[in-house]
Structures are given as C-alpha cells and as structure tokens.
C-alpha cells in the first residue's frame, strides 16, 4: 500500500491493475486505482469493503468470483499479530 500511495508510482500501479484485471485499455484501470486510494488505509488490515470492491471489479467477467462472499475471505489475524509484534 505504501507503493500505491506514492503519486509518482501511479502509472506503474494503473498498468499493473490493467494487466491483472485483463483490461484491454490501461485507462480502464483508473477507477480501480482511485478506489484503492480511498478504500484502503495505511495500516494493512484487510477490509471487507475493499475485498467486496475487488469482487465487484473482477466479478464483472467471472461468475465464480461474483459468488464469493467478502466476509468469508477476510482474515486479519496475521496483521494483528504483526502489529502486536511491532512490525508496523
């Protein structure tokens, strides 16, 4: 997330999103980039809303992904343990 939040890295992030989402035009990844900036916080806790957004974006072309439940995918135990250990 730190890399994504650096404005100079935006072209690389948008290109990566477009490639990962198999979008034909890089410009189509702009909405996903803006969503990432507004949804995710600096702390690395997984967000149910963030996962829901990814499901929405990826599910547009994949029925199996549309059936996923964000609440069943999010597990923040690892991040909580790392934070407790003082890693961030």
Protein backbone atom coordinates (compact mmCIF):
# COMPACT_ATOMS: atom_id res chain seq x y z
CA UNK A 1 0.00 0.00 0.00
CA UNK A 2 2.90 2.34 0.63
CA UNK A 3 3.98 1.96 -3.01
CA UNK A 4 0.46 2.64 -4.29
CA UNK A 5 0.16 5.85 -2.25
CA UNK A 6 3.26 7.46 -3.82
CA UNK A 7 1.91 9.65 -6.67
CA UNK A 8 4.97 9.00 -8.86
CA UNK A 9 4.10 5.28 -8.87
CA UNK A 10 0.60 5.78 -10.27
CA UNK A 11 1.48 4.80 -13.88
CA UNK A 12 3.00 1.52 -12.69
CA UNK A 13 0.07 0.79 -10.38
CA UNK A 14 -2.54 1.51 -13.07
CA UNK A 15 -0.63 -0.61 -15.59
CA UNK A 16 -0.40 -3.47 -13.09
CA UNK A 17 -4.13 -3.25 -12.34
CA UNK A 18 -4.96 -3.29 -16.04
CA UNK A 19 -2.76 -6.32 -16.60
CA UNK A 20 -4.04 -8.17 -13.54
CA UNK A 21 -7.66 -7.46 -14.41
CA UNK A 22 -7.01 -8.27 -18.09
CA UNK A 23 -8.36 -4.93 -19.21
CA UNK A 24 -7.87 -4.01 -22.86
CA UNK A 25 -7.16 -0.36 -22.09
CA UNK A 26 -4.93 0.89 -19.28
CA UNK A 27 -7.26 3.88 -18.83
CA UNK A 28 -9.99 1.48 -17.68
CA UNK A 29 -7.95 0.74 -14.54
CA UNK A 30 -8.17 4.37 -13.34
CA UNK A 31 -11.38 3.72 -11.38
CA UNK A 32 -9.76 0.78 -9.59
CA UNK A 33 -6.73 2.91 -8.73
CA UNK A 34 -8.90 5.68 -7.26
CA UNK A 35 -10.90 3.10 -5.30
CA UNK A 36 -7.73 1.63 -3.84
CA UNK A 37 -6.61 5.03 -2.61
CA UNK A 38 -9.92 5.79 -0.92
CA UNK A 39 -10.79 2.36 0.47
CA UNK A 40 -7.52 1.09 1.89
CA UNK A 41 -5.94 2.68 4.91
CA UNK A 42 -2.22 2.86 5.59
CA UNK A 43 -2.50 0.00 8.05
CA UNK A 44 -2.59 -3.29 6.27
CA UNK A 45 -5.77 -4.65 7.81
CA UNK A 46 -7.84 -6.39 5.19
CA UNK A 47 -11.08 -4.54 4.60
CA UNK A 48 -14.33 -6.32 3.87
CA UNK A 49 -15.35 -3.30 1.77
CA UNK A 50 -12.07 -3.48 -0.13
CA UNK A 51 -12.48 -7.18 -0.85
CA UNK A 52 -16.08 -6.53 -1.87
CA UNK A 53 -14.80 -3.93 -4.35
CA UNK A 54 -12.27 -6.36 -5.80
CA UNK A 55 -15.01 -8.98 -6.16
CA UNK A 56 -17.14 -6.38 -7.93
CA UNK A 57 -14.33 -5.44 -10.33
CA UNK A 58 -13.16 -8.98 -11.08
CA UNK A 59 -16.65 -10.46 -10.98
CA UNK A 60 -17.76 -8.41 -13.95
CA UNK A 61 -16.31 -11.09 -16.20
CA UNK A 62 -16.29 -14.13 -13.95
CA UNK A 63 -19.34 -15.82 -12.44
CA UNK A 64 -17.28 -17.81 -9.92
CA UNK A 65 -15.77 -14.63 -8.49
CA UNK A 66 -19.21 -12.98 -8.27
CA UNK A 67 -20.34 -15.81 -5.98
CA UNK A 68 -17.60 -15.15 -3.41
CA UNK A 69 -18.53 -13.58 -0.06
CA UNK A 70 -16.06 -10.96 1.13
CA UNK A 71 -16.86 -11.72 4.77
CA UNK A 72 -15.68 -15.30 4.29
CA UNK A 73 -12.38 -14.25 2.70
CA UNK A 74 -11.12 -11.65 5.19
CA UNK A 75 -8.80 -12.84 7.97
CA UNK A 76 -6.94 -10.12 9.84
CA UNK A 77 -5.27 -12.38 12.40
CA UNK A 78 -1.87 -12.26 10.68
CA UNK A 79 -1.85 -8.47 10.51
CA UNK A 80 -2.93 -8.18 14.14
CA UNK A 81 -0.08 -10.49 15.15
CA UNK A 82 2.45 -8.44 13.14
CA UNK A 83 1.18 -5.20 14.65
CA UNK A 84 1.39 -6.70 18.16
CA UNK A 85 5.00 -7.67 17.42
CA UNK A 86 5.73 -4.04 16.45
CA UNK A 87 6.44 -4.73 12.79
CA UNK A 88 4.45 -1.66 11.71
